[in-house]
Amino acid sequence: MKKAVVTVLGLDQVGITAKVCTILAETNINILDISQTIVGGYFNMVMVVDITEAKESFDATAEKLKTVGEAMGLKIKMQHTAIFDAMHRI
């Protein structure tokens, strides 16, 4: 199983989770774990996703999420879990 981490940060607004989940579903990416909080009006979400069966390349999906985020005034990033695994080994 290949995994990635999707992070979302910005001012809270209606439809953030729906937009991100729609892109992931259209790309055949499964959400394994999701956590979201709103603190002082700021929306923060972290998702662990399975990219094994993704219909598009990792970079294409990451760019699509980034573009939607920019349109909504959010910072959305998708990163391979290997980055986080390496950080914890240091």
PDB file of N, CA and C in Angstrom:
ATOM      1  N   MET A   1       0.848  -1.184   0.000  1.00  0.00           N
ATOM      2  CA  MET A   1       0.000   0.000   0.000  1.00  0.00           C
ATOM      3  C   MET A   1       0.890   1.242   0.000  1.00  0.00           C
ATOM      4  N   LYS A   2       0.611   2.162  -0.907  1.00  0.00           N
ATOM      5  CA  LYS A   2       1.320   3.436  -0.942  1.00  0.00           C
ATOM      6  C   LYS A   2       0.426   4.491  -0.300  1.00  0.00           C
ATOM      7  N   LYS A   3       1.006   5.232   0.642  1.00  0.00           N
ATOM      8  CA  LYS A   3       0.230   6.225   1.378  1.00  0.00           C
ATOM      9  C   LYS A   3       0.773   7.628   1.149  1.00  0.00           C
ATOM     10  N   ALA A   4      -0.111   8.607   1.362  1.00  0.00           N
ATOM     11  CA  ALA A   4       0.267  10.015   1.317  1.00  0.00           C
ATOM     12  C   ALA A   4      -0.464  10.739   2.432  1.00  0.00           C
ATOM     13  N   VAL A   5       0.021  11.938   2.754  1.00  0.00           N
ATOM     14  CA  VAL A   5      -0.612  12.788   3.753  1.00  0.00           C
ATOM     15  C   VAL A   5      -1.093  14.053   3.050  1.00  0.00           C
ATOM     16  N   VAL A   6      -2.372  14.377   3.245  1.00  0.00           N
ATOM     17  CA  VAL A   6      -2.957  15.598   2.702  1.00  0.00           C
ATOM     18  C   VAL A   6      -3.211  16.538   3.873  1.00  0.00           C
ATOM     19  N   THR A   7      -2.709  17.770   3.772  1.00  0.00           N
ATOM     20  CA  THR A   7      -2.936  18.762   4.818  1.00  0.00           C
ATOM     21  C   THR A   7      -3.665  19.957   4.218  1.00  0.00           C
ATOM     22  N   VAL A   8      -4.572  20.525   5.020  1.00  0.00           N
ATOM     23  CA  VAL A   8      -5.355  21.683   4.601  1.00  0.00           C
ATOM     24  C   VAL A   8      -5.334  22.702   5.737  1.00  0.00           C
ATOM     25  N   LEU A   9      -5.037  23.952   5.411  1.00  0.00           N
ATOM     26  CA  LEU A   9      -4.990  25.007   6.414  1.00  0.00           C
ATOM     27  C   LEU A   9      -5.523  26.299   5.817  1.00  0.00           C
ATOM     28  N   GLY A  10      -6.375  26.982   6.557  1.00  0.00           N
ATOM     29  CA  GLY A  10      -6.885  28.282   6.120  1.00  0.00           C
ATOM     30  C   GLY A  10      -8.098  28.684   6.928  1.00  0.00           C
ATOM     31  N   LEU A  11      -8.674  29.814   6.543  1.00  0.00           N
ATOM     32  CA  LEU A  11      -9.879  30.281   7.222  1.00  0.00           C
ATOM     33  C   LEU A  11     -11.027  29.319   6.966  1.00  0.00           C
ATOM     34  N   ASP A  12     -11.810  29.052   7.998  1.00  0.00           N
ATOM     35  CA  ASP A  12     -12.930  28.120   7.876  1.00  0.00           C
ATOM     36  C   ASP A  12     -13.978  28.672   6.920  1.00  0.00           C
ATOM     37  N   GLN A  13     -14.557  27.770   6.137  1.00  0.00           N
ATOM     38  CA  GLN A  13     -15.649  28.109   5.227  1.00  0.00           C
ATOM     39  C   GLN A  13     -16.405  26.844   4.860  1.00  0.00           C
ATOM     40  N   VAL A  14     -17.574  26.996   4.347  1.00  0.00           N
ATOM     41  CA  VAL A  14     -18.403  25.853   3.955  1.00  0.00           C
ATOM     42  C   VAL A  14     -17.774  25.134   2.760  1.00  0.00           C
ATOM     43  N   GLY A  15     -17.748  23.806   2.819  1.00  0.00           N
ATOM     44  CA  GLY A  15     -17.385  22.998   1.667  1.00  0.00           C
ATOM     45  C   GLY A  15     -15.942  22.564   1.546  1.00  0.00           C
ATOM     46  N   ILE A  16     -15.102  22.873   2.513  1.00  0.00           N
ATOM     47  CA  ILE A  16     -13.685  22.501   2.395  1.00  0.00           C
ATOM     48  C   ILE A  16     -13.533  20.983   2.308  1.00  0.00           C
ATOM     49  N   THR A  17     -14.058  20.288   3.280  1.00  0.00           N
ATOM     50  CA  THR A  17     -13.919  18.829   3.311  1.00  0.00           C
ATOM     51  C   THR A  17     -14.563  18.202   2.077  1.00  0.00           C
ATOM     52  N   ALA A  18     -15.713  18.709   1.682  1.00  0.00           N
ATOM     53  CA  ALA A  18     -16.419  18.176   0.510  1.00  0.00           C
ATOM     54  C   ALA A  18     -15.580  18.310  -0.756  1.00  0.00           C
ATOM     55  N   LYS A  19     -14.958  19.463  -0.964  1.00  0.00           N
ATOM     56  CA  LYS A  19     -14.146  19.677  -2.176  1.00  0.00           C
ATOM     57  C   LYS A  19     -12.941  18.750  -2.199  1.00  0.00           C
ATOM     58  N   VAL A  20     -12.243  18.644  -1.076  1.00  0.00           N
ATOM     59  CA  VAL A  20     -11.059  17.782  -1.018  1.00  0.00           C
ATOM     60  C   VAL A  20     -11.460  16.327  -1.233  1.00  0.00           C
ATOM     61  N   CYS A  21     -12.498  15.893  -0.555  1.00  0.00           N
ATOM     62  CA  CYS A  21     -12.945  14.498  -0.681  1.00  0.00           C
ATOM     63  C   CYS A  21     -13.424  14.183  -2.096  1.00  0.00           C
ATOM     64  N   THR A  22     -14.065  15.138  -2.758  1.00  0.00           N
ATOM     65  CA  THR A  22     -14.526  14.931  -4.135  1.00  0.00           C
ATOM     66  C   THR A  22     -13.344  14.705  -5.071  1.00  0.00           C
ATOM     67  N   ILE A  23     -12.306  15.519  -4.944  1.00  0.00           N
ATOM     68  CA  ILE A  23     -11.119  15.339  -5.785  1.00  0.00           C
ATOM     69  C   ILE A  23     -10.491  13.972  -5.539  1.00  0.00           C
ATOM     70  N   LEU A  24     -10.377  13.587  -4.280  1.00  0.00           N
ATOM     71  CA  LEU A  24      -9.778  12.293  -3.952  1.00  0.00           C
ATOM     72  C   LEU A  24     -10.620  11.147  -4.507  1.00  0.00           C
ATOM     73  N   ALA A  25     -11.943  11.232  -4.376  1.00  0.00           N
ATOM     74  CA  ALA A  25     -12.825  10.175  -4.877  1.00  0.00           C
ATOM     75  C   ALA A  25     -12.743  10.074  -6.405  1.00  0.00           C
ATOM     76  N   GLU A  26     -12.734  11.205  -7.089  1.00  0.00           N
ATOM     77  CA  GLU A  26     -12.644  11.208  -8.553  1.00  0.00           C
ATOM     78  C   GLU A  26     -11.328  10.606  -9.039  1.00  0.00           C
ATOM     79  N   THR A  27     -10.302  10.664  -8.199  1.00  0.00           N
ATOM     80  CA  THR A  27      -8.983  10.158  -8.546  1.00  0.00           C
ATOM     81  C   THR A  27      -8.768   8.729  -8.030  1.00  0.00           C
ATOM     82  N   ASN A  28      -9.789   8.162  -7.398  1.00  0.00           N
ATOM     83  CA  ASN A  28      -9.746   6.811  -6.833  1.00  0.00           C
ATOM     84  C   ASN A  28      -8.714   6.693  -5.703  1.00  0.00           C
ATOM     85  N   ILE A  29      -8.649   7.732  -4.876  1.00  0.00           N
ATOM     86  CA  ILE A  29      -7.778   7.728  -3.699  1.00  0.00           C
ATOM     87  C   ILE A  29      -8.661   7.530  -2.472  1.00  0.00           C
ATOM     88  N   ASN A  30      -8.320   6.528  -1.665  1.00  0.00           N
ATOM     89  CA  ASN A  30      -9.114   6.181  -0.493  1.00  0.00           C
ATOM     90  C   ASN A  30      -8.603   6.895   0.751  1.00  0.00           C
ATOM     91  N   ILE A  31      -9.507   7.450   1.534  1.00  0.00           N
ATOM     92  CA  ILE A  31      -9.155   8.107   2.789  1.00  0.00           C
ATOM     93  C   ILE A  31      -9.067   7.037   3.873  1.00  0.00           C
ATOM     94  N   LEU A  32      -7.903   6.925   4.507  1.00  0.00           N
ATOM     95  CA  LEU A  32      -7.691   5.942   5.561  1.00  0.00           C
ATOM     96  C   LEU A  32      -7.939   6.533   6.941  1.00  0.00           C
ATOM     97  N   ASP A  33      -7.592   7.807   7.116  1.00  0.00           N
ATOM     98  CA  ASP A  33      -7.757   8.472   8.403  1.00  0.00           C
ATOM     99  C   ASP A  33      -7.911   9.963   8.139  1.00  0.00           C
ATOM    100  N   ILE A  34      -8.729  10.611   8.952  1.00  0.00           N
ATOM    101  CA  ILE A  34      -8.962  12.037   8.771  1.00  0.00           C
ATOM    102  C   ILE A  34      -9.155  12.688  10.140  1.00  0.00           C
ATOM    103  N   SER A  35      -8.553  13.849  10.312  1.00  0.00           N
ATOM    104  CA  SER A  35      -8.721  14.619  11.533  1.00  0.00           C
ATOM    105  C   SER A  35      -8.850  16.081  11.137  1.00  0.00           C
ATOM    106  N   GLN A  36      -9.856  16.752  11.685  1.00  0.00           N
ATOM    107  CA  GLN A  36      -9.985  18.177  11.406  1.00  0.00           C
ATOM    108  C   GLN A  36     -10.389  18.922  12.666  1.00  0.00           C
ATOM    109  N   THR A  37      -9.880  20.136  12.760  1.00  0.00           N
ATOM    110  CA  THR A  37     -10.224  21.001  13.881  1.00  0.00           C
ATOM    111  C   THR A  37     -10.395  22.418  13.351  1.00  0.00           C
ATOM    112  N   ILE A  38     -11.130  23.202  14.116  1.00  0.00           N
ATOM    113  CA  ILE A  38     -11.274  24.625  13.828  1.00  0.00           C
ATOM    114  C   ILE A  38     -10.913  25.358  15.112  1.00  0.00           C
ATOM    115  N   VAL A  39      -9.873  26.172  15.025  1.00  0.00           N
ATOM    116  CA  VAL A  39      -9.393  26.910  16.187  1.00  0.00           C
ATOM    117  C   VAL A  39      -9.353  28.384  15.821  1.00  0.00           C
ATOM    118  N   GLY A  40     -10.117  29.184  16.538  1.00  0.00           N
ATOM    119  CA  GLY A  40     -10.124  30.620  16.284  1.00  0.00           C
ATOM    120  C   GLY A  40     -10.499  30.975  14.865  1.00  0.00           C
ATOM    121  N   GLY A  41     -11.348  30.181  14.248  1.00  0.00           N
ATOM    122  CA  GLY A  41     -11.784  30.443  12.883  1.00  0.00           C
ATOM    123  C   GLY A  41     -10.868  29.870  11.809  1.00  0.00           C
ATOM    124  N   TYR A  42      -9.783  29.211  12.228  1.00  0.00           N
ATOM    125  CA  TYR A  42      -8.862  28.593  11.276  1.00  0.00           C
ATOM    126  C   TYR A  42      -9.137  27.102  11.167  1.00  0.00           C
ATOM    127  N   PHE A  43      -9.305  26.639   9.948  1.00  0.00           N
ATOM    128  CA  PHE A  43      -9.586  25.248   9.635  1.00  0.00           C
ATOM    129  C   PHE A  43      -8.261  24.515   9.444  1.00  0.00           C
ATOM    130  N   ASN A  44      -8.119  23.352  10.079  1.00  0.00           N
ATOM    131  CA  ASN A  44      -6.927  22.534   9.946  1.00  0.00           C
ATOM    132  C   ASN A  44      -7.363  21.084   9.767  1.00  0.00           C
ATOM    133  N   MET A  45      -6.907  20.455   8.687  1.00  0.00           N
ATOM    134  CA  MET A  45      -7.268  19.060   8.440  1.00  0.00           C
ATOM    135  C   MET A  45      -6.035  18.284   8.001  1.00  0.00           C
ATOM    136  N   VAL A  46      -5.923  17.072   8.509  1.00  0.00           N
ATOM    137  CA  VAL A  46      -4.860  16.149   8.105  1.00  0.00           C
ATOM    138  C   VAL A  46      -5.526  14.836   7.721  1.00  0.00           C
ATOM    139  N   MET A  47      -5.164  14.321   6.550  1.00  0.00           N
ATOM    140  CA  MET A  47      -5.708  13.057   6.067  1.00  0.00           C
ATOM    141  C   MET A  47      -4.556  12.128   5.697  1.00  0.00           C
ATOM    142  N   VAL A  48      -4.703  10.862   6.005  1.00  0.00           N
ATOM    143  CA  VAL A  48      -3.804   9.840   5.491  1.00  0.00           C
ATOM    144  C   VAL A  48      -4.604   9.104   4.426  1.00  0.00           C
ATOM    145  N   VAL A  49      -4.037   9.024   3.226  1.00  0.00           N
ATOM    146  CA  VAL A  49      -4.774   8.448   2.098  1.00  0.00           C
ATOM    147  C   VAL A  49      -3.965   7.331   1.442  1.00  0.00           C
ATOM    148  N   ASP A  50      -4.690   6.411   0.809  1.00  0.00           N
ATOM    149  CA  ASP A  50      -4.082   5.305   0.064  1.00  0.00           C
ATOM    150  C   ASP A  50      -4.070   5.698  -1.415  1.00  0.00           C
ATOM    151  N   ILE A  51      -2.873   5.858  -1.975  1.00  0.00           N
ATOM    152  CA  ILE A  51      -2.743   6.275  -3.367  1.00  0.00           C
ATOM    153  C   ILE A  51      -2.407   5.106  -4.303  1.00  0.00           C
ATOM    154  N   THR A  52      -2.488   3.885  -3.801  1.00  0.00           N
ATOM    155  CA  THR A  52      -2.109   2.697  -4.568  1.00  0.00           C
ATOM    156  C   THR A  52      -2.870   2.593  -5.886  1.00  0.00           C
ATOM    157  N   GLU A  53      -4.160   2.846  -5.873  1.00  0.00           N
ATOM    158  CA  GLU A  53      -5.011   2.672  -7.062  1.00  0.00           C
ATOM    159  C   GLU A  53      -5.374   4.003  -7.731  1.00  0.00           C
ATOM    160  N   ALA A  54      -4.603   5.046  -7.475  1.00  0.00           N
ATOM    161  CA  ALA A  54      -4.912   6.367  -8.032  1.00  0.00           C
ATOM    162  C   ALA A  54      -4.928   6.333  -9.556  1.00  0.00           C
ATOM    163  N   LYS A  55      -5.920   7.024 -10.130  1.00  0.00           N
ATOM    164  CA  LYS A  55      -6.077   7.073 -11.590  1.00  0.00           C
ATOM    165  C   LYS A  55      -5.153   8.103 -12.237  1.00  0.00           C
ATOM    166  N   GLU A  56      -4.649   9.036 -11.461  1.00  0.00           N
ATOM    167  CA  GLU A  56      -3.761  10.078 -11.972  1.00  0.00           C
ATOM    168  C   GLU A  56      -2.422   9.987 -11.250  1.00  0.00           C
ATOM    169  N   SER A  57      -1.421  10.654 -11.791  1.00  0.00           N
ATOM    170  CA  SER A  57      -0.110  10.663 -11.142  1.00  0.00           C
ATOM    171  C   SER A  57      -0.200  11.425  -9.817  1.00  0.00           C
ATOM    172  N   PHE A  58       0.746  11.142  -8.952  1.00  0.00           N
ATOM    173  CA  PHE A  58       0.815  11.828  -7.659  1.00  0.00           C
ATOM    174  C   PHE A  58       0.904  13.332  -7.877  1.00  0.00           C
ATOM    175  N   ASP A  59       1.796  13.753  -8.772  1.00  0.00           N
ATOM    176  CA  ASP A  59       2.008  15.178  -9.014  1.00  0.00           C
ATOM    177  C   ASP A  59       0.760  15.861  -9.567  1.00  0.00           C
ATOM    178  N   ALA A  60       0.039  15.175 -10.463  1.00  0.00           N
ATOM    179  CA  ALA A  60      -1.184  15.761 -11.033  1.00  0.00           C
ATOM    180  C   ALA A  60      -2.246  15.958  -9.957  1.00  0.00           C
ATOM    181  N   THR A  61      -2.387  14.986  -9.076  1.00  0.00           N
ATOM    182  CA  THR A  61      -3.371  15.097  -7.996  1.00  0.00           C
ATOM    183  C   THR A  61      -2.964  16.180  -7.004  1.00  0.00           C
ATOM    184  N   ALA A  62      -1.683  16.225  -6.652  1.00  0.00           N
ATOM    185  CA  ALA A  62      -1.190  17.245  -5.725  1.00  0.00           C
ATOM    186  C   ALA A  62      -1.429  18.639  -6.297  1.00  0.00           C
ATOM    187  N   GLU A  63      -1.214  18.808  -7.588  1.00  0.00           N
ATOM    188  CA  GLU A  63      -1.416  20.103  -8.239  1.00  0.00           C
ATOM    189  C   GLU A  63      -2.902  20.479  -8.269  1.00  0.00           C
ATOM    190  N   LYS A  64      -3.750  19.490  -8.514  1.00  0.00           N
ATOM    191  CA  LYS A  64      -5.195  19.734  -8.529  1.00  0.00           C
ATOM    192  C   LYS A  64      -5.665  20.205  -7.147  1.00  0.00           C
ATOM    193  N   LEU A  65      -5.193  19.545  -6.093  1.00  0.00           N
ATOM    194  CA  LEU A  65      -5.546  19.943  -4.727  1.00  0.00           C
ATOM    195  C   LEU A  65      -5.029  21.345  -4.417  1.00  0.00           C
ATOM    196  N   LYS A  66      -3.794  21.621  -4.823  1.00  0.00           N
ATOM    197  CA  LYS A  66      -3.202  22.949  -4.595  1.00  0.00           C
ATOM    198  C   LYS A  66      -4.015  24.038  -5.295  1.00  0.00           C
ATOM    199  N   THR A  67      -4.428  23.780  -6.527  1.00  0.00           N
ATOM    200  CA  THR A  67      -5.201  24.752  -7.307  1.00  0.00           C
ATOM    201  C   THR A  67      -6.559  25.030  -6.667  1.00  0.00           C
ATOM    202  N   VAL A  68      -7.240  23.982  -6.223  1.00  0.00           N
ATOM    203  CA  VAL A  68      -8.524  24.163  -5.537  1.00  0.00           C
ATOM    204  C   VAL A  68      -8.315  24.943  -4.248  1.00  0.00           C
ATOM    205  N   GLY A  69      -7.254  24.625  -3.543  1.00  0.00           N
ATOM    206  CA  GLY A  69      -6.940  25.344  -2.310  1.00  0.00           C
ATOM    207  C   GLY A  69      -6.723  26.822  -2.557  1.00  0.00           C
ATOM    208  N   GLU A  70      -5.954  27.147  -3.570  1.00  0.00           N
ATOM    209  CA  GLU A  70      -5.695  28.554  -3.887  1.00  0.00           C
ATOM    210  C   GLU A  70      -6.988  29.292  -4.232  1.00  0.00           C
ATOM    211  N   ALA A  71      -7.878  28.636  -4.965  1.00  0.00           N
ATOM    212  CA  ALA A  71      -9.153  29.248  -5.323  1.00  0.00           C
ATOM    213  C   ALA A  71     -10.021  29.526  -4.091  1.00  0.00           C
ATOM    214  N   MET A  72      -9.833  28.714  -3.046  1.00  0.00           N
ATOM    215  CA  MET A  72     -10.613  28.875  -1.820  1.00  0.00           C
ATOM    216  C   MET A  72      -9.850  29.656  -0.743  1.00  0.00           C
ATOM    217  N   GLY A  73      -8.650  30.104  -1.047  1.00  0.00           N
ATOM    218  CA  GLY A  73      -7.838  30.820  -0.067  1.00  0.00           C
ATOM    219  C   GLY A  73      -7.230  29.912   0.984  1.00  0.00           C
ATOM    220  N   LEU A  74      -6.968  28.656   0.617  1.00  0.00           N
ATOM    221  CA  LEU A  74      -6.426  27.649   1.525  1.00  0.00           C
ATOM    222  C   LEU A  74      -5.064  27.175   1.051  1.00  0.00           C
ATOM    223  N   LYS A  75      -4.321  26.581   1.952  1.00  0.00           N
ATOM    224  CA  LYS A  75      -3.061  25.923   1.618  1.00  0.00           C
ATOM    225  C   LYS A  75      -3.321  24.421   1.699  1.00  0.00           C
ATOM    226  N   ILE A  76      -3.316  23.738   0.544  1.00  0.00           N
ATOM    227  CA  ILE A  76      -3.528  22.291   0.512  1.00  0.00           C
ATOM    228  C   ILE A  76      -2.282  21.640  -0.079  1.00  0.00           C
ATOM    229  N   LYS A  77      -1.725  20.674   0.661  1.00  0.00           N
ATOM    230  CA  LYS A  77      -0.535  19.957   0.214  1.00  0.00           C
ATOM    231  C   LYS A  77      -0.770  18.461   0.309  1.00  0.00           C
ATOM    232  N   MET A  78      -0.231  17.728  -0.651  1.00  0.00           N
ATOM    233  CA  MET A  78      -0.209  16.273  -0.575  1.00  0.00           C
ATOM    234  C   MET A  78       1.258  15.856  -0.638  1.00  0.00           C
ATOM    235  N   GLN A  79       1.681  15.054   0.343  1.00  0.00           N
ATOM    236  CA  GLN A  79       3.072  14.627   0.436  1.00  0.00           C
ATOM    237  C   GLN A  79       3.136  13.115   0.668  1.00  0.00           C
ATOM    238  N   HIS A  80       4.166  12.489   0.108  1.00  0.00           N
ATOM    239  CA  HIS A  80       4.380  11.067   0.358  1.00  0.00           C
ATOM    240  C   HIS A  80       4.674  10.850   1.843  1.00  0.00           C
ATOM    241  N   THR A  81       4.215   9.757   2.395  1.00  0.00           N
ATOM    242  CA  THR A  81       4.477   9.469   3.809  1.00  0.00           C
ATOM    243  C   THR A  81       5.965   9.236   4.068  1.00  0.00           C
ATOM    244  N   ALA A  82       6.723   8.918   3.050  1.00  0.00           N
ATOM    245  CA  ALA A  82       8.163   8.695   3.219  1.00  0.00           C
ATOM    246  C   ALA A  82       8.851   9.928   3.801  1.00  0.00           C
ATOM    247  N   ILE A  83       8.346  11.110   3.466  1.00  0.00           N
ATOM    248  CA  ILE A  83       8.904  12.351   3.998  1.00  0.00           C
ATOM    249  C   ILE A  83       8.755  12.371   5.524  1.00  0.00           C
ATOM    250  N   PHE A  84       7.571  12.019   5.996  1.00  0.00           N
ATOM    251  CA  PHE A  84       7.302  12.038   7.434  1.00  0.00           C
ATOM    252  C   PHE A  84       8.064  10.915   8.138  1.00  0.00           C
ATOM    253  N   ASP A  85       8.144   9.767   7.500  1.00  0.00           N
ATOM    254  CA  ASP A  85       8.900   8.644   8.079  1.00  0.00           C
ATOM    255  C   ASP A  85      10.365   9.036   8.246  1.00  0.00           C
ATOM    256  N   ALA A  86      10.937   9.709   7.250  1.00  0.00           N
ATOM    257  CA  ALA A  86      12.338  10.121   7.309  1.00  0.00           C
ATOM    258  C   ALA A  86      12.552  11.156   8.412  1.00  0.00           C
ATOM    259  N   MET A  87      11.608  12.072   8.581  1.00  0.00           N
ATOM    260  CA  MET A  87      11.733  13.104   9.624  1.00  0.00           C
ATOM    261  C   MET A  87      11.794  12.469  11.003  1.00  0.00           C
ATOM    262  N   HIS A  88      11.063  11.387  11.205  1.00  0.00           N
ATOM    263  CA  HIS A  88      11.024  10.765  12.532  1.00  0.00           C
ATOM    264  C   HIS A  88      12.246   9.896  12.796  1.00  0.00           C
ATOM    265  N   ARG A  89      13.008   9.586  11.767  1.00  0.00           N
ATOM    266  CA  ARG A  89      14.223   8.783  11.929  1.00  0.00           C
ATOM    267  C   ARG A  89      15.419   9.654  12.300  1.00  0.00           C
ATOM    268  N   ILE A  90      15.341  10.932  11.999  1.00  0.00           N
ATOM    269  CA  ILE A  90      16.479  11.836  12.235  1.00  0.00           C
ATOM    270  C   ILE A  90      16.674  12.092  13.702  1.00  0.00           C
TER     271      ILE A  90
END
